[in-house]
C-alpha atoms as a PDB file:
ATOM      1  CA  MET A   1     -42.773 115.839   4.610  1.00  0.00           C
ATOM      2  CA  ASP A   2     -40.609 112.544   6.407  1.00  0.00           C
ATOM      3  CA  GLN A   3     -43.251 112.202   9.090  1.00  0.00           C
ATOM      4  CA  ILE A   4     -45.830 111.662   6.662  1.00  0.00           C
ATOM      5  CA  ASN A   5     -43.805 109.123   4.893  1.00  0.00           C
ATOM      6  CA  ASN A   6     -42.478 107.260   7.591  1.00  0.00           C
ATOM      7  CA  HIS A   7     -46.265 107.161   9.127  1.00  0.00           C
ATOM      8  CA  VAL A   8     -47.264 103.688   8.878  1.00  0.00           C
ATOM      9  CA  LEU A   9     -51.413 103.586   7.512  1.00  0.00           C
ATOM     10  CA  TYR A  10     -53.016 101.385   9.529  1.00  0.00           C
ATOM     11  CA  VAL A  11     -56.077  99.627   7.379  1.00  0.00           C
ATOM     12  CA  PRO A  12     -58.499  97.393   9.405  1.00  0.00           C
ATOM     13  CA  ILE A  13     -59.362  94.088   7.795  1.00  0.00           C
ATOM     14  CA  ARG A  14     -62.679  94.002   8.239  1.00  0.00           C
ATOM     15  CA  SER A  15     -64.458  90.435   9.520  1.00  0.00           C
ATOM     16  CA  ILE A  16     -67.016  88.125   7.631  1.00  0.00           C
ATOM     17  CA  HIS A  17     -70.576  87.283   8.890  1.00  0.00           C
ATOM     18  CA  PRO A  18     -71.285  83.691   8.088  1.00  0.00           C
ATOM     19  CA  SER A  19     -74.383  84.996   6.206  1.00  0.00           C
ATOM     20  CA  GLU A  20     -72.054  85.822   3.721  1.00  0.00           C
ATOM     21  CA  LEU A  21     -70.454  82.439   2.992  1.00  0.00           C
ATOM     22  CA  HIS A  22     -71.997  79.668   0.941  1.00  0.00           C
ATOM     23  CA  ARG A  23     -72.065  75.910   2.400  1.00  0.00           C
ATOM     24  CA  GLY A  24     -69.309  73.982   1.287  1.00  0.00           C
ATOM     25  CA  GLU A  25     -67.333  77.503   0.474  1.00  0.00           C
ATOM     26  CA  ARG A  26     -63.300  77.027   1.465  1.00  0.00           C
ATOM     27  CA  PHE A  27     -61.159  79.262   1.935  1.00  0.00           C
ATOM     28  CA  PRO A  28     -57.187  79.595   2.631  1.00  0.00           C
ATOM     29  CA  LEU A  29     -56.635  79.946   6.553  1.00  0.00           C
ATOM     30  CA  GLU A  30     -53.706  82.131   6.907  1.00  0.00           C
ATOM     31  CA  LYS A  31     -53.823  82.357  10.882  1.00  0.00           C
ATOM     32  CA  MET A  32     -55.869  81.481  14.026  1.00  0.00           C
ATOM     33  CA  ILE A  33     -55.377  83.686  17.286  1.00  0.00           C
ATOM     34  CA  ARG A  34     -57.252  83.260  20.518  1.00  0.00           C
ATOM     35  CA  ILE A  35     -58.487  87.079  21.863  1.00  0.00           C
ATOM     36  CA  ASN A  36     -60.904  88.450  24.217  1.00  0.00           C
ATOM     37  CA  THR A  37     -63.766  89.532  23.670  1.00  0.00           C
ATOM     38  CA  GLU A  38     -66.774  91.660  25.149  1.00  0.00           C
ATOM     39  CA  TYR A  39     -68.313  88.402  25.144  1.00  0.00           C
ATOM     40  CA  GLY A  40     -65.506  86.426  26.284  1.00  0.00           C
ATOM     41  CA  GLU A  41     -62.467  84.447  25.091  1.00  0.00           C
ATOM     42  CA  THR A  42     -62.825  83.155  21.118  1.00  0.00           C
ATOM     43  CA  ILE A  43     -59.993  82.103  18.474  1.00  0.00           C
ATOM     44  CA  LEU A  44     -60.284  84.521  15.360  1.00  0.00           C
ATOM     45  CA  ALA A  45     -59.379  83.244  12.132  1.00  0.00           C
ATOM     46  CA  TYR A  46     -57.719  85.277   9.319  1.00  0.00           C
ATOM     47  CA  ILE A  47     -58.711  83.825   5.611  1.00  0.00           C
ATOM     48  CA  ASP A  48     -58.109  85.013   2.441  1.00  0.00           C
ATOM     49  CA  TYR A  49     -61.617  85.627   0.945  1.00  0.00           C
ATOM     50  CA  HIS A  50     -61.201  86.316  -2.739  1.00  0.00           C
ATOM     51  CA  GLY A  51     -57.955  87.730  -2.779  1.00  0.00           C
ATOM     52  CA  THR A  52     -58.670  89.893   0.434  1.00  0.00           C
ATOM     53  CA  GLN A  53     -57.443  88.962   3.949  1.00  0.00           C
ATOM     54  CA  ARG A  54     -60.914  88.909   6.607  1.00  0.00           C
ATOM     55  CA  LYS A  55     -61.326  87.819   9.692  1.00  0.00           C
ATOM     56  CA  ILE A  56     -63.959  84.890  11.153  1.00  0.00           C
ATOM     57  CA  TYR A  57     -64.879  84.987  14.770  1.00  0.00           C
ATOM     58  CA  LEU A  58     -65.577  81.228  15.268  1.00  0.00           C
ATOM     59  CA  PRO A  59     -68.113  80.039  17.726  1.00  0.00           C
ATOM     60  CA  LYS A  60     -66.865  79.757  21.478  1.00  0.00           C
ATOM     61  CA  SER A  61     -67.277  76.140  21.291  1.00  0.00           C
ATOM     62  CA  TYR A  62     -63.586  75.878  19.212  1.00  0.00           C
ATOM     63  CA  SER A  63     -62.477  78.445  21.935  1.00  0.00           C
ATOM     64  CA  ASP A  64     -63.330  75.608  24.437  1.00  0.00           C
ATOM     65  CA  THR A  65     -62.084  72.437  22.406  1.00  0.00           C
ATOM     66  CA  VAL A  66     -58.513  74.196  20.713  1.00  0.00           C
ATOM     67  CA  THR A  67     -55.619  74.393  22.890  1.00  0.00           C
ATOM     68  CA  ASP A  68     -53.240  76.687  22.939  1.00  0.00           C
ATOM     69  CA  ASP A  69     -50.520  74.419  21.269  1.00  0.00           C
ATOM     70  CA  GLY A  70     -52.959  73.026  18.443  1.00  0.00           C
ATOM     71  CA  LEU A  71     -53.307  76.804  17.692  1.00  0.00           C
ATOM     72  CA  ARG A  72     -49.651  76.819  17.275  1.00  0.00           C
ATOM     73  CA  GLU A  73     -49.918  73.327  15.350  1.00  0.00           C
ATOM     74  CA  ILE A  74     -52.602  74.734  12.786  1.00  0.00           C
ATOM     75  CA  ASN A  75     -50.632  77.805  12.127  1.00  0.00           C
ATOM     76  CA  GLN A  76     -47.614  75.449  10.959  1.00  0.00           C
ATOM     77  CA  LYS A  77     -49.508  73.814   8.389  1.00  0.00           C
ATOM     78  CA  GLN A  78     -51.251  74.795   5.335  1.00  0.00           C
ATOM     79  CA  LEU A  79     -55.305  74.668   5.480  1.00  0.00           C
ATOM     80  CA  ASP A  80     -58.521  75.878   4.274  1.00  0.00           C
ATOM     81  CA  ILE A  81     -61.422  76.906   6.738  1.00  0.00           C
ATOM     82  CA  VAL A  82     -64.617  75.206   4.883  1.00  0.00           C
ATOM     83  CA  PHE A  83     -67.888  76.540   5.954  1.00  0.00           C
ATOM     84  CA  VAL A  84     -70.133  74.039   7.076  1.00  0.00           C
ATOM     85  CA  GLY A  85     -73.226  75.762   7.318  1.00  0.00           C
ATOM     86  CA  PRO A  86     -75.992  76.453  10.680  1.00  0.00           C
ATOM     87  CA  HIS A  87     -75.713  74.586  13.732  1.00  0.00           C
ATOM     88  CA  HIS A  88     -77.894  75.279  16.024  1.00  0.00           C
ATOM     89  CA  LYS A  89     -77.939  79.060  16.899  1.00  0.00           C
ATOM     90  CA  THR A  90     -74.620  79.236  15.971  1.00  0.00           C
ATOM     91  CA  TYR A  91     -72.511  77.935  12.886  1.00  0.00           C
ATOM     92  CA  ARG A  92     -70.108  75.299  12.172  1.00  0.00           C
ATOM     93  CA  TYR A  93     -66.664  75.474  10.207  1.00  0.00           C
ATOM     94  CA  ARG A  94     -64.044  72.249   9.134  1.00  0.00           C
ATOM     95  CA  VAL A  95     -60.314  72.729   8.878  1.00  0.00           C
ATOM     96  CA  GLU A  96     -59.132  70.530   6.307  1.00  0.00           C
ATOM     97  CA  PRO A  97     -55.545  70.459   4.057  1.00  0.00           C
ATOM     98  CA  ARG A  98     -55.413  72.656   1.665  1.00  0.00           C
ATOM     99  CA  GLU A  99     -56.216  71.147  -2.100  1.00  0.00           C
END
């Protein structure tokens, strides 16, 4: 019984696709991290999506332009991520101070 009580339950965080978002929608940004995927290096943004933690894989262009120091700086501030909309074959986001 103690083994069951001491077991850490893993609950996966669902990713959200840009098609589920609306233009101009703002979400509190919890943190951003750089990760390696099967498609290469990218930035993963954790957001508060209507009271539930979700993750967004940002386009590769963000990983190419945001440095590790920039990520640390972003993670120390209270910011929102704003969905701008489709852009060519990908999607655009803005990071802004929290309202």
